[in-house]
PDB file of N, CA and C in Angstrom:
ATOM      1  N   MET A   1     121.317 151.544 101.964  1.00  0.00           N
ATOM      2  CA  MET A   1     120.113 150.955 102.504  1.00  0.00           C
ATOM      3  C   MET A   1     119.759 149.702 101.721  1.00  0.00           C
ATOM      4  N   SER A   2     119.609 148.610 102.458  1.00  0.00           N
ATOM      5  CA  SER A   2     119.363 147.336 101.773  1.00  0.00           C
ATOM      6  C   SER A   2     117.955 147.248 101.264  1.00  0.00           C
ATOM      7  N   GLY A   3     117.721 146.316 100.401  1.00  0.00           N
ATOM      8  CA  GLY A   3     116.354 146.115  99.797  1.00  0.00           C
ATOM      9  C   GLY A   3     115.366 145.661 100.809  1.00  0.00           C
ATOM     10  N   ILE A   4     115.807 144.778 101.743  1.00  0.00           N
ATOM     11  CA  ILE A   4     114.864 144.291 102.756  1.00  0.00           C
ATOM     12  C   ILE A   4     114.428 145.406 103.693  1.00  0.00           C
ATOM     13  N   TYR A   5     115.349 146.245 104.026  1.00  0.00           N
ATOM     14  CA  TYR A   5     114.984 147.394 104.943  1.00  0.00           C
ATOM     15  C   TYR A   5     113.961 148.290 104.259  1.00  0.00           C
ATOM     16  N   ARG A   6     114.172 148.582 102.977  1.00  0.00           N
ATOM     17  CA  ARG A   6     113.187 149.407 102.273  1.00  0.00           C
ATOM     18  C   ARG A   6     111.844 148.734 102.151  1.00  0.00           C
ATOM     19  N   ALA A   7     111.780 147.429 101.991  1.00  0.00           N
ATOM     20  CA  ALA A   7     110.547 146.660 101.889  1.00  0.00           C
ATOM     21  C   ALA A   7     109.847 146.726 103.250  1.00  0.00           C
ATOM     22  N   VAL A   8     110.545 146.576 104.327  1.00  0.00           N
ATOM     23  CA  VAL A   8     109.930 146.628 105.670  1.00  0.00           C
ATOM     24  C   VAL A   8     109.328 148.035 105.916  1.00  0.00           C
ATOM     25  N   LYS A   9     110.105 149.049 105.523  1.00  0.00           N
ATOM     26  CA  LYS A   9     109.580 150.425 105.704  1.00  0.00           C
ATOM     27  C   LYS A   9     108.339 150.658 104.851  1.00  0.00           C
ATOM     28  N   ARG A  10     108.318 150.146 103.630  1.00  0.00           N
ATOM     29  CA  ARG A  10     107.147 150.338 102.720  1.00  0.00           C
ATOM     30  C   ARG A  10     105.949 149.604 103.356  1.00  0.00           C
ATOM     31  N   LEU A  11     106.113 148.393 103.881  1.00  0.00           N
ATOM     32  CA  LEU A  11     105.019 147.670 104.471  1.00  0.00           C
ATOM     33  C   LEU A  11     104.521 148.416 105.695  1.00  0.00           C
ATOM     34  N   ARG A  12     105.392 148.889 106.548  1.00  0.00           N
ATOM     35  CA  ARG A  12     105.024 149.617 107.707  1.00  0.00           C
ATOM     36  C   ARG A  12     104.264 150.941 107.339  1.00  0.00           C
ATOM     37  N   ARG A  13     104.750 151.615 106.324  1.00  0.00           N
ATOM     38  CA  ARG A  13     104.124 152.822 105.886  1.00  0.00           C
ATOM     39  C   ARG A  13     102.696 152.553 105.358  1.00  0.00           C
ATOM     40  N   ALA A  14     102.523 151.468 104.610  1.00  0.00           N
ATOM     41  CA  ALA A  14     101.205 151.094 104.064  1.00  0.00           C
ATOM     42  C   ALA A  14     100.243 150.770 105.235  1.00  0.00           C
ATOM     43  N   LEU A  15     100.696 150.107 106.264  1.00  0.00           N
ATOM     44  CA  LEU A  15      99.831 149.815 107.424  1.00  0.00           C
ATOM     45  C   LEU A  15      99.481 151.070 108.211  1.00  0.00           C
ATOM     46  N   VAL A  16     100.410 151.999 108.345  1.00  0.00           N
ATOM     47  CA  VAL A  16     100.142 153.263 109.008  1.00  0.00           C
ATOM     48  C   VAL A  16      99.101 154.063 108.272  1.00  0.00           C
ATOM     49  N   GLU A  17      99.204 154.075 106.918  1.00  0.00           N
ATOM     50  CA  GLU A  17      98.251 154.799 106.095  1.00  0.00           C
ATOM     51  C   GLU A  17      96.835 154.157 106.221  1.00  0.00           C
ATOM     52  N   VAL A  18      96.771 152.865 106.232  1.00  0.00           N
ATOM     53  CA  VAL A  18      95.486 152.173 106.411  1.00  0.00           C
ATOM     54  C   VAL A  18      94.894 152.501 107.764  1.00  0.00           C
ATOM     55  N   SER A  19      95.761 152.508 108.788  1.00  0.00           N
ATOM     56  CA  SER A  19      95.265 152.840 110.186  1.00  0.00           C
ATOM     57  C   SER A  19      94.741 154.234 110.223  1.00  0.00           C
ATOM     58  N   GLN A  20      95.437 155.208 109.661  1.00  0.00           N
ATOM     59  CA  GLN A  20      94.958 156.596 109.649  1.00  0.00           C
ATOM     60  C   GLN A  20      93.613 156.712 108.898  1.00  0.00           C
ATOM     61  N   TRP A  21      93.538 156.008 107.757  1.00  0.00           N
ATOM     62  CA  TRP A  21      92.318 156.079 107.009  1.00  0.00           C
ATOM     63  C   TRP A  21      91.138 155.450 107.794  1.00  0.00           C
ATOM     64  N   LEU A  22      91.375 154.302 108.451  1.00  0.00           N
ATOM     65  CA  LEU A  22      90.334 153.678 109.242  1.00  0.00           C
ATOM     66  C   LEU A  22      89.906 154.560 110.414  1.00  0.00           C
ATOM     67  N   ARG A  23      90.846 155.306 110.969  1.00  0.00           N
ATOM     68  CA  ARG A  23      90.547 156.172 112.089  1.00  0.00           C
ATOM     69  C   ARG A  23      89.594 157.276 111.646  1.00  0.00           C
ATOM     70  N   GLN A  24      89.777 157.808 110.437  1.00  0.00           N
ATOM     71  CA  GLN A  24      88.936 158.889 109.933  1.00  0.00           C
ATOM     72  C   GLN A  24      87.618 158.364 109.470  1.00  0.00           C
ATOM     73  N   GLU A  25      87.557 157.147 108.912  1.00  0.00           N
ATOM     74  CA  GLU A  25      86.335 156.659 108.293  1.00  0.00           C
ATOM     75  C   GLU A  25      85.451 155.749 109.157  1.00  0.00           C
ATOM     76  N   ARG A  26      85.924 155.359 110.327  1.00  0.00           N
ATOM     77  CA  ARG A  26      85.259 154.339 111.113  1.00  0.00           C
ATOM     78  C   ARG A  26      83.800 154.837 111.464  1.00  0.00           C
ATOM     79  N   ASN A  27      83.573 156.060 111.702  1.00  0.00           N
ATOM     80  CA  ASN A  27      82.245 156.544 112.110  1.00  0.00           C
ATOM     81  C   ASN A  27      81.504 157.159 110.944  1.00  0.00           C
ATOM     82  N   ALA A  28      82.176 157.457 109.857  1.00  0.00           N
ATOM     83  CA  ALA A  28      81.567 158.153 108.737  1.00  0.00           C
ATOM     84  C   ALA A  28      80.810 157.211 107.831  1.00  0.00           C
ATOM     85  N   ARG A  29      81.103 155.927 107.869  1.00  0.00           N
ATOM     86  CA  ARG A  29      80.463 154.941 107.019  1.00  0.00           C
ATOM     87  C   ARG A  29      79.793 153.846 107.766  1.00  0.00           C
ATOM     88  N   THR A  30      78.842 153.218 107.133  1.00  0.00           N
ATOM     89  CA  THR A  30      78.248 152.063 107.738  1.00  0.00           C
ATOM     90  C   THR A  30      79.212 150.865 107.603  1.00  0.00           C
ATOM     91  N   LEU A  31      79.002 149.821 108.377  1.00  0.00           N
ATOM     92  CA  LEU A  31      79.917 148.676 108.316  1.00  0.00           C
ATOM     93  C   LEU A  31      80.039 148.051 106.933  1.00  0.00           C
ATOM     94  N   PRO A  32      78.927 147.846 106.199  1.00  0.00           N
ATOM     95  CA  PRO A  32      79.109 147.252 104.854  1.00  0.00           C
ATOM     96  C   PRO A  32      79.879 148.179 103.927  1.00  0.00           C
ATOM     97  N   ASP A  33      79.671 149.501 103.988  1.00  0.00           N
ATOM     98  CA  ASP A  33      80.412 150.445 103.140  1.00  0.00           C
ATOM     99  C   ASP A  33      81.933 150.439 103.539  1.00  0.00           C
ATOM    100  N   LEU A  34      82.192 150.469 104.799  1.00  0.00           N
ATOM    101  CA  LEU A  34      83.565 150.406 105.265  1.00  0.00           C
ATOM    102  C   LEU A  34      84.261 149.124 104.852  1.00  0.00           C
ATOM    103  N   TRP A  35      83.526 148.032 104.926  1.00  0.00           N
ATOM    104  CA  TRP A  35      84.066 146.711 104.559  1.00  0.00           C
ATOM    105  C   TRP A  35      84.396 146.696 103.093  1.00  0.00           C
ATOM    106  N   GLN A  36      83.558 147.229 102.222  1.00  0.00           N
ATOM    107  CA  GLN A  36      83.808 147.287 100.793  1.00  0.00           C
ATOM    108  C   GLN A  36      84.983 148.128 100.483  1.00  0.00           C
ATOM    109  N   ALA A  37      85.107 149.297 101.163  1.00  0.00           N
ATOM    110  CA  ALA A  37      86.204 150.204 100.952  1.00  0.00           C
ATOM    111  C   ALA A  37      87.520 149.606 101.327  1.00  0.00           C
ATOM    112  N   ILE A  38      87.587 148.913 102.478  1.00  0.00           N
ATOM    113  CA  ILE A  38      88.818 148.278 102.932  1.00  0.00           C
ATOM    114  C   ILE A  38      89.166 147.146 101.954  1.00  0.00           C
ATOM    115  N   SER A  39      88.145 146.469 101.403  1.00  0.00           N
ATOM    116  CA  SER A  39      88.427 145.412 100.432  1.00  0.00           C
ATOM    117  C   SER A  39      89.068 145.988  99.183  1.00  0.00           C
ATOM    118  N   ARG A  40      88.571 147.149  98.757  1.00  0.00           N
ATOM    119  CA  ARG A  40      89.175 147.780  97.533  1.00  0.00           C
ATOM    120  C   ARG A  40      90.580 148.167  97.840  1.00  0.00           C
ATOM    121  N   LYS A  41      90.842 148.710  98.979  1.00  0.00           N
ATOM    122  CA  LYS A  41      92.198 149.131  99.327  1.00  0.00           C
ATOM    123  C   LYS A  41      93.159 147.890  99.362  1.00  0.00           C
ATOM    124  N   MET A  42      92.693 146.849  99.974  1.00  0.00           N
ATOM    125  CA  MET A  42      93.543 145.622 100.023  1.00  0.00           C
ATOM    126  C   MET A  42      93.786 145.066  98.638  1.00  0.00           C
ATOM    127  N   ARG A  43      92.733 144.964  97.792  1.00  0.00           N
ATOM    128  CA  ARG A  43      92.894 144.494  96.454  1.00  0.00           C
ATOM    129  C   ARG A  43      93.898 145.283  95.653  1.00  0.00           C
ATOM    130  N   GLY A  44      93.824 146.607  95.836  1.00  0.00           N
ATOM    131  CA  GLY A  44      94.750 147.483  95.132  1.00  0.00           C
ATOM    132  C   GLY A  44      96.158 147.233  95.560  1.00  0.00           C
ATOM    133  N   HIS A  45      96.380 147.067  96.889  1.00  0.00           N
ATOM    134  CA  HIS A  45      97.738 146.768  97.429  1.00  0.00           C
ATOM    135  C   HIS A  45      98.228 145.486  96.882  1.00  0.00           C
ATOM    136  N   PHE A  46      97.388 144.437  96.861  1.00  0.00           N
ATOM    137  CA  PHE A  46      97.818 143.118  96.375  1.00  0.00           C
ATOM    138  C   PHE A  46      98.135 143.209  94.890  1.00  0.00           C
ATOM    139  N   ASN A  47      97.366 143.960  94.132  1.00  0.00           N
ATOM    140  CA  ASN A  47      97.603 144.061  92.682  1.00  0.00           C
ATOM    141  C   ASN A  47      98.923 144.820  92.414  1.00  0.00           C
ATOM    142  N   TYR A  48      99.188 145.825  93.207  1.00  0.00           N
ATOM    143  CA  TYR A  48     100.368 146.636  93.003  1.00  0.00           C
ATOM    144  C   TYR A  48     101.656 145.914  93.389  1.00  0.00           C
ATOM    145  N   PHE A  49     101.634 145.243  94.571  1.00  0.00           N
ATOM    146  CA  PHE A  49     102.823 144.648  95.092  1.00  0.00           C
ATOM    147  C   PHE A  49     102.848 143.115  94.874  1.00  0.00           C
ATOM    148  N   GLY A  50     101.931 142.547  94.110  1.00  0.00           N
ATOM    149  CA  GLY A  50     101.826 141.103  93.984  1.00  0.00           C
ATOM    150  C   GLY A  50     102.790 140.591  92.912  1.00  0.00           C
ATOM    151  N   VAL A  51     104.060 140.560  93.226  1.00  0.00           N
ATOM    152  CA  VAL A  51     105.076 139.980  92.362  1.00  0.00           C
ATOM    153  C   VAL A  51     105.759 138.816  92.983  1.00  0.00           C
ATOM    154  N   THR A  52     106.463 138.039  92.226  1.00  0.00           N
ATOM    155  CA  THR A  52     107.170 136.891  92.731  1.00  0.00           C
ATOM    156  C   THR A  52     108.056 137.262  93.932  1.00  0.00           C
ATOM    157  N   ASP A  53     108.158 136.398  94.862  1.00  0.00           N
ATOM    158  CA  ASP A  53     109.006 136.547  96.078  1.00  0.00           C
ATOM    159  C   ASP A  53     108.484 137.582  97.061  1.00  0.00           C
ATOM    160  N   ASN A  54     107.296 138.139  96.855  1.00  0.00           N
ATOM    161  CA  ASN A  54     106.738 139.155  97.753  1.00  0.00           C
ATOM    162  C   ASN A  54     105.517 138.561  98.512  1.00  0.00           C
ATOM    163  N   SER A  55     105.242 137.287  98.425  1.00  0.00           N
ATOM    164  CA  SER A  55     104.091 136.755  99.107  1.00  0.00           C
ATOM    165  C   SER A  55     104.170 136.848 100.599  1.00  0.00           C
ATOM    166  N   PRO A  56     105.311 136.656 101.274  1.00  0.00           N
ATOM    167  CA  PRO A  56     105.312 136.813 102.748  1.00  0.00           C
ATOM    168  C   PRO A  56     104.892 138.194 103.164  1.00  0.00           C
ATOM    169  N   ALA A  57     105.325 139.257 102.439  1.00  0.00           N
ATOM    170  CA  ALA A  57     104.901 140.609 102.770  1.00  0.00           C
ATOM    171  C   ALA A  57     103.466 140.819 102.547  1.00  0.00           C
ATOM    172  N   LEU A  58     102.896 140.230 101.504  1.00  0.00           N
ATOM    173  CA  LEU A  58     101.466 140.346 101.253  1.00  0.00           C
ATOM    174  C   LEU A  58     100.657 139.757 102.353  1.00  0.00           C
ATOM    175  N   TYR A  59     101.047 138.548 102.869  1.00  0.00           N
ATOM    176  CA  TYR A  59     100.338 137.908 103.936  1.00  0.00           C
ATOM    177  C   TYR A  59     100.483 138.709 105.242  1.00  0.00           C
ATOM    178  N   ARG A  60     101.654 139.304 105.430  1.00  0.00           N
ATOM    179  CA  ARG A  60     101.799 140.167 106.643  1.00  0.00           C
ATOM    180  C   ARG A  60     100.905 141.403 106.553  1.00  0.00           C
ATOM    181  N   PHE A  61     100.795 141.961 105.300  1.00  0.00           N
ATOM    182  CA  PHE A  61      99.892 143.115 105.138  1.00  0.00           C
ATOM    183  C   PHE A  61      98.445 142.666 105.401  1.00  0.00           C
ATOM    184  N   GLU A  62      98.052 141.513 104.896  1.00  0.00           N
ATOM    185  CA  GLU A  62      96.688 141.029 105.067  1.00  0.00           C
ATOM    186  C   GLU A  62      96.390 140.885 106.555  1.00  0.00           C
ATOM    187  N   ARG A  63      97.276 140.290 107.334  1.00  0.00           N
ATOM    188  CA  ARG A  63      97.041 140.086 108.752  1.00  0.00           C
ATOM    189  C   ARG A  63      97.087 141.417 109.499  1.00  0.00           C
ATOM    190  N   GLY A  64      97.967 142.331 109.081  1.00  0.00           N
ATOM    191  CA  GLY A  64      98.011 143.605 109.747  1.00  0.00           C
ATOM    192  C   GLY A  64      96.771 144.420 109.521  1.00  0.00           C
ATOM    193  N   VAL A  65      96.197 144.372 108.308  1.00  0.00           N
ATOM    194  CA  VAL A  65      94.926 145.065 108.019  1.00  0.00           C
ATOM    195  C   VAL A  65      93.806 144.473 108.847  1.00  0.00           C
ATOM    196  N   GLN A  66      93.784 143.134 108.955  1.00  0.00           N
ATOM    197  CA  GLN A  66      92.737 142.503 109.774  1.00  0.00           C
ATOM    198  C   GLN A  66      92.776 143.027 111.239  1.00  0.00           C
ATOM    199  N   ARG A  67      93.995 143.090 111.799  1.00  0.00           N
ATOM    200  CA  ARG A  67      94.158 143.580 113.124  1.00  0.00           C
ATOM    201  C   ARG A  67      93.695 145.012 113.296  1.00  0.00           C
ATOM    202  N   LEU A  68      94.045 145.863 112.270  1.00  0.00           N
ATOM    203  CA  LEU A  68      93.636 147.236 112.348  1.00  0.00           C
ATOM    204  C   LEU A  68      92.154 147.429 112.211  1.00  0.00           C
ATOM    205  N   VAL A  69      91.533 146.691 111.319  1.00  0.00           N
ATOM    206  CA  VAL A  69      90.076 146.797 111.197  1.00  0.00           C
ATOM    207  C   VAL A  69      89.394 146.370 112.507  1.00  0.00           C
ATOM    208  N   PHE A  70      89.852 145.306 113.114  1.00  0.00           N
ATOM    209  CA  PHE A  70      89.319 144.896 114.367  1.00  0.00           C
ATOM    210  C   PHE A  70      89.464 145.989 115.452  1.00  0.00           C
ATOM    211  N   LYS A  71      90.669 146.548 115.485  1.00  0.00           N
ATOM    212  CA  LYS A  71      90.941 147.634 116.471  1.00  0.00           C
ATOM    213  C   LYS A  71      90.016 148.825 116.297  1.00  0.00           C
ATOM    214  N   TRP A  72      89.935 149.317 115.010  1.00  0.00           N
ATOM    215  CA  TRP A  72      89.202 150.553 114.815  1.00  0.00           C
ATOM    216  C   TRP A  72      87.690 150.339 114.849  1.00  0.00           C
ATOM    217  N   LEU A  73      87.189 149.137 114.530  1.00  0.00           N
ATOM    218  CA  LEU A  73      85.758 148.876 114.632  1.00  0.00           C
ATOM    219  C   LEU A  73      85.366 148.829 116.080  1.00  0.00           C
ATOM    220  N   ASN A  74      86.220 148.391 116.934  1.00  0.00           N
ATOM    221  CA  ASN A  74      85.940 148.354 118.354  1.00  0.00           C
ATOM    222  C   ASN A  74      86.027 149.684 119.067  1.00  0.00           C
ATOM    223  N   ARG A  75      86.473 150.708 118.354  1.00  0.00           N
ATOM    224  CA  ARG A  75      86.532 152.038 118.946  1.00  0.00           C
ATOM    225  C   ARG A  75      85.456 152.935 118.438  1.00  0.00           C
ATOM    226  N   ARG A  76      84.372 152.324 117.902  1.00  0.00           N
ATOM    227  CA  ARG A  76      83.285 153.161 117.343  1.00  0.00           C
ATOM    228  C   ARG A  76      82.318 153.585 118.379  1.00  0.00           C
ATOM    229  N   SER A  77      82.263 152.938 119.547  1.00  0.00           N
ATOM    230  CA  SER A  77      81.289 153.284 120.574  1.00  0.00           C
ATOM    231  C   SER A  77      81.918 153.036 121.937  1.00  0.00           C
ATOM    232  N   GLN A  78      81.148 153.149 122.973  1.00  0.00           N
ATOM    233  CA  GLN A  78      81.632 152.954 124.335  1.00  0.00           C
ATOM    234  C   GLN A  78      81.801 151.511 124.663  1.00  0.00           C
ATOM    235  N   ARG A  79      81.276 150.609 123.819  1.00  0.00           N
ATOM    236  CA  ARG A  79      81.381 149.210 124.039  1.00  0.00           C
ATOM    237  C   ARG A  79      82.028 148.576 122.856  1.00  0.00           C
ATOM    238  N   ARG A  80      82.566 147.359 123.044  1.00  0.00           N
ATOM    239  CA  ARG A  80      83.199 146.673 121.948  1.00  0.00           C
ATOM    240  C   ARG A  80      82.174 146.181 120.952  1.00  0.00           C
ATOM    241  N   SER A  81      82.486 146.320 119.664  1.00  0.00           N
ATOM    242  CA  SER A  81      81.611 145.909 118.599  1.00  0.00           C
ATOM    243  C   SER A  81      81.803 144.434 118.280  1.00  0.00           C
ATOM    244  N   PHE A  82      83.047 143.981 118.356  1.00  0.00           N
ATOM    245  CA  PHE A  82      83.357 142.651 118.013  1.00  0.00           C
ATOM    246  C   PHE A  82      84.320 142.002 119.039  1.00  0.00           C
ATOM    247  N   THR A  83      84.149 140.678 119.181  1.00  0.00           N
ATOM    248  CA  THR A  83      85.216 139.885 119.780  1.00  0.00           C
ATOM    249  C   THR A  83      85.954 139.268 118.644  1.00  0.00           C
ATOM    250  N   TRP A  84      87.049 138.603 118.865  1.00  0.00           N
ATOM    251  CA  TRP A  84      87.775 137.940 117.736  1.00  0.00           C
ATOM    252  C   TRP A  84      86.863 136.858 117.124  1.00  0.00           C
ATOM    253  N   GLU A  85      86.100 136.244 117.973  1.00  0.00           N
ATOM    254  CA  GLU A  85      85.184 135.170 117.483  1.00  0.00           C
ATOM    255  C   GLU A  85      84.096 135.694 116.544  1.00  0.00           C
ATOM    256  N   SER A  86      83.496 136.775 116.994  1.00  0.00           N
ATOM    257  CA  SER A  86      82.413 137.395 116.126  1.00  0.00           C
ATOM    258  C   SER A  86      83.044 138.086 114.888  1.00  0.00           C
ATOM    259  N   PHE A  87      84.216 138.629 115.036  1.00  0.00           N
ATOM    260  CA  PHE A  87      84.899 139.171 113.873  1.00  0.00           C
ATOM    261  C   PHE A  87      85.243 138.087 112.874  1.00  0.00           C
ATOM    262  N   GLY A  88      85.662 136.918 113.323  1.00  0.00           N
ATOM    263  CA  GLY A  88      85.947 135.818 112.445  1.00  0.00           C
ATOM    264  C   GLY A  88      84.674 135.342 111.744  1.00  0.00           C
ATOM    265  N   ARG A  89      83.596 135.308 112.420  1.00  0.00           N
ATOM    266  CA  ARG A  89      82.304 134.905 111.810  1.00  0.00           C
ATOM    267  C   ARG A  89      81.876 135.921 110.741  1.00  0.00           C
ATOM    268  N   TYR A  90      82.002 137.194 111.048  1.00  0.00           N
ATOM    269  CA  TYR A  90      81.666 138.218 110.079  1.00  0.00           C
ATOM    270  C   TYR A  90      82.605 138.146 108.864  1.00  0.00           C
ATOM    271  N   SER A  91      83.937 137.875 109.119  1.00  0.00           N
ATOM    272  CA  SER A  91      84.877 137.762 108.006  1.00  0.00           C
ATOM    273  C   SER A  91      84.593 136.560 107.109  1.00  0.00           C
ATOM    274  N   LYS A  92      84.076 135.501 107.730  1.00  0.00           N
ATOM    275  CA  LYS A  92      83.770 134.302 106.899  1.00  0.00           C
ATOM    276  C   LYS A  92      82.538 134.603 106.049  1.00  0.00           C
ATOM    277  N   ARG A  93      81.575 135.364 106.594  1.00  0.00           N
ATOM    278  CA  ARG A  93      80.383 135.684 105.815  1.00  0.00           C
ATOM    279  C   ARG A  93      80.693 136.718 104.746  1.00  0.00           C
ATOM    280  N   HIS A  94      81.591 137.642 105.065  1.00  0.00           N
ATOM    281  CA  HIS A  94      81.974 138.719 104.118  1.00  0.00           C
ATOM    282  C   HIS A  94      83.494 138.745 104.038  1.00  0.00           C
ATOM    283  N   PRO A  95      84.096 137.878 103.283  1.00  0.00           N
ATOM    284  CA  PRO A  95      85.577 137.733 103.334  1.00  0.00           C
ATOM    285  C   PRO A  95      86.251 138.948 102.718  1.00  0.00           C
ATOM    286  N   LEU A  96      87.367 139.321 103.350  1.00  0.00           N
ATOM    287  CA  LEU A  96      88.231 140.285 102.762  1.00  0.00           C
ATOM    288  C   LEU A  96      89.113 139.651 101.710  1.00  0.00           C
ATOM    289  N   PRO A  97      89.660 140.418 100.745  1.00  0.00           N
ATOM    290  CA  PRO A  97      90.486 139.799  99.733  1.00  0.00           C
ATOM    291  C   PRO A  97      91.742 139.160 100.310  1.00  0.00           C
ATOM    292  N   ARG A  98      92.215 138.173  99.638  1.00  0.00           N
ATOM    293  CA  ARG A  98      93.418 137.494 100.038  1.00  0.00           C
ATOM    294  C   ARG A  98      94.422 137.623  98.886  1.00  0.00           C
ATOM    295  N   PRO A  99      95.698 137.606  99.174  1.00  0.00           N
ATOM    296  CA  PRO A  99      96.690 137.699  98.065  1.00  0.00           C
ATOM    297  C   PRO A  99      96.466 136.534  97.070  1.00  0.00           C
ATOM    298  N   GLY A 100      96.447 136.886  95.844  1.00  0.00           N
ATOM    299  CA  GLY A 100      96.149 135.862  94.800  1.00  0.00           C
ATOM    300  C   GLY A 100      97.419 135.479  94.023  1.00  0.00           C
ATOM    301  N   ARG A 101      97.189 135.233  92.782  1.00  0.00           N
ATOM    302  CA  ARG A 101      98.250 134.812  91.873  1.00  0.00           C
ATOM    303  C   ARG A 101      99.312 135.930  91.759  1.00  0.00           C
ATOM    304  N   LEU A 102     100.524 135.557  91.850  1.00  0.00           N
ATOM    305  CA  LEU A 102     101.647 136.525  91.748  1.00  0.00           C
ATOM    306  C   LEU A 102     102.105 136.653  90.341  1.00  0.00           C
ATOM    307  N   VAL A 103     102.515 137.830  89.961  1.00  0.00           N
ATOM    308  CA  VAL A 103     103.047 138.107  88.626  1.00  0.00           C
ATOM    309  C   VAL A 103     104.552 137.916  88.684  1.00  0.00           C
ATOM    310  N   PRO A 104     105.143 137.123  87.763  1.00  0.00           N
ATOM    311  CA  PRO A 104     106.594 136.886  87.792  1.00  0.00           C
ATOM    312  C   PRO A 104     107.299 138.169  87.438  1.00  0.00           C
ATOM    313  N   VAL A 105     108.370 138.441  88.152  1.00  0.00           N
ATOM    314  CA  VAL A 105     109.213 139.627  87.888  1.00  0.00           C
ATOM    315  C   VAL A 105     110.048 139.395  86.625  1.00  0.00           C
ATOM    316  N   ILE A 106     110.558 138.175  86.450  1.00  0.00           N
ATOM    317  CA  ILE A 106     111.340 137.867  85.282  1.00  0.00           C
ATOM    318  C   ILE A 106     110.379 137.407  84.212  1.00  0.00           C
ATOM    319  N   PRO A 107     110.469 138.026  83.023  1.00  0.00           N
ATOM    320  CA  PRO A 107     109.572 137.626  81.938  1.00  0.00           C
ATOM    321  C   PRO A 107     109.821 136.189  81.515  1.00  0.00           C
ATOM    322  N   MET A 108     108.808 135.572  81.014  1.00  0.00           N
ATOM    323  CA  MET A 108     108.905 134.143  80.619  1.00  0.00           C
ATOM    324  C   MET A 108     109.923 133.927  79.554  1.00  0.00           C
ATOM    325  N   TRP A 109     110.163 134.924  78.629  1.00  0.00           N
ATOM    326  CA  TRP A 109     111.088 134.689  77.549  1.00  0.00           C
ATOM    327  C   TRP A 109     112.522 134.794  78.028  1.00  0.00           C
ATOM    328  N   CYS A 110     112.750 135.226  79.302  1.00  0.00           N
ATOM    329  CA  CYS A 110     114.132 135.277  79.845  1.00  0.00           C
ATOM    330  C   CYS A 110     114.465 134.091  80.664  1.00  0.00           C
ATOM    331  N   MET A 111     113.483 133.267  80.960  1.00  0.00           N
ATOM    332  CA  MET A 111     113.720 132.118  81.822  1.00  0.00           C
ATOM    333  C   MET A 111     114.429 131.005  81.021  1.00  0.00           C
ATOM    334  N   PRO A 112     115.396 130.303  81.688  1.00  0.00           N
ATOM    335  CA  PRO A 112     116.034 129.192  81.004  1.00  0.00           C
ATOM    336  C   PRO A 112     115.082 128.017  80.705  1.00  0.00           C
ATOM    337  N   VAL A 113     115.364 127.297  79.669  1.00  0.00           N
ATOM    338  CA  VAL A 113     114.533 126.212  79.235  1.00  0.00           C
ATOM    339  C   VAL A 113     114.937 124.913  79.896  1.00  0.00           C
TER     340      VAL A 113
END
């Protein structure tokens, strides 16, 4: 099994777990509480997987989580809660975390001078 295949499976599994969690929690929490919880989950994922050469996967995870949050928030009642436009406005007012500085996999003392 190649490394890329494992990475794709890990990303897919992380998005499935977020989706299942959102499905369970969408009605149990208020929108601000849900937003804070999903922010914590995203920050934890970025901190754990935030190493050099993994930034494309982190941005795919970020976009996937945004799509899932939009999907599950719109299933909370008989009518849609958000359009993409209103979701974008809410996201600007209350931004979700973005992938930040990456930690190098190779220690500085091993790098050539």
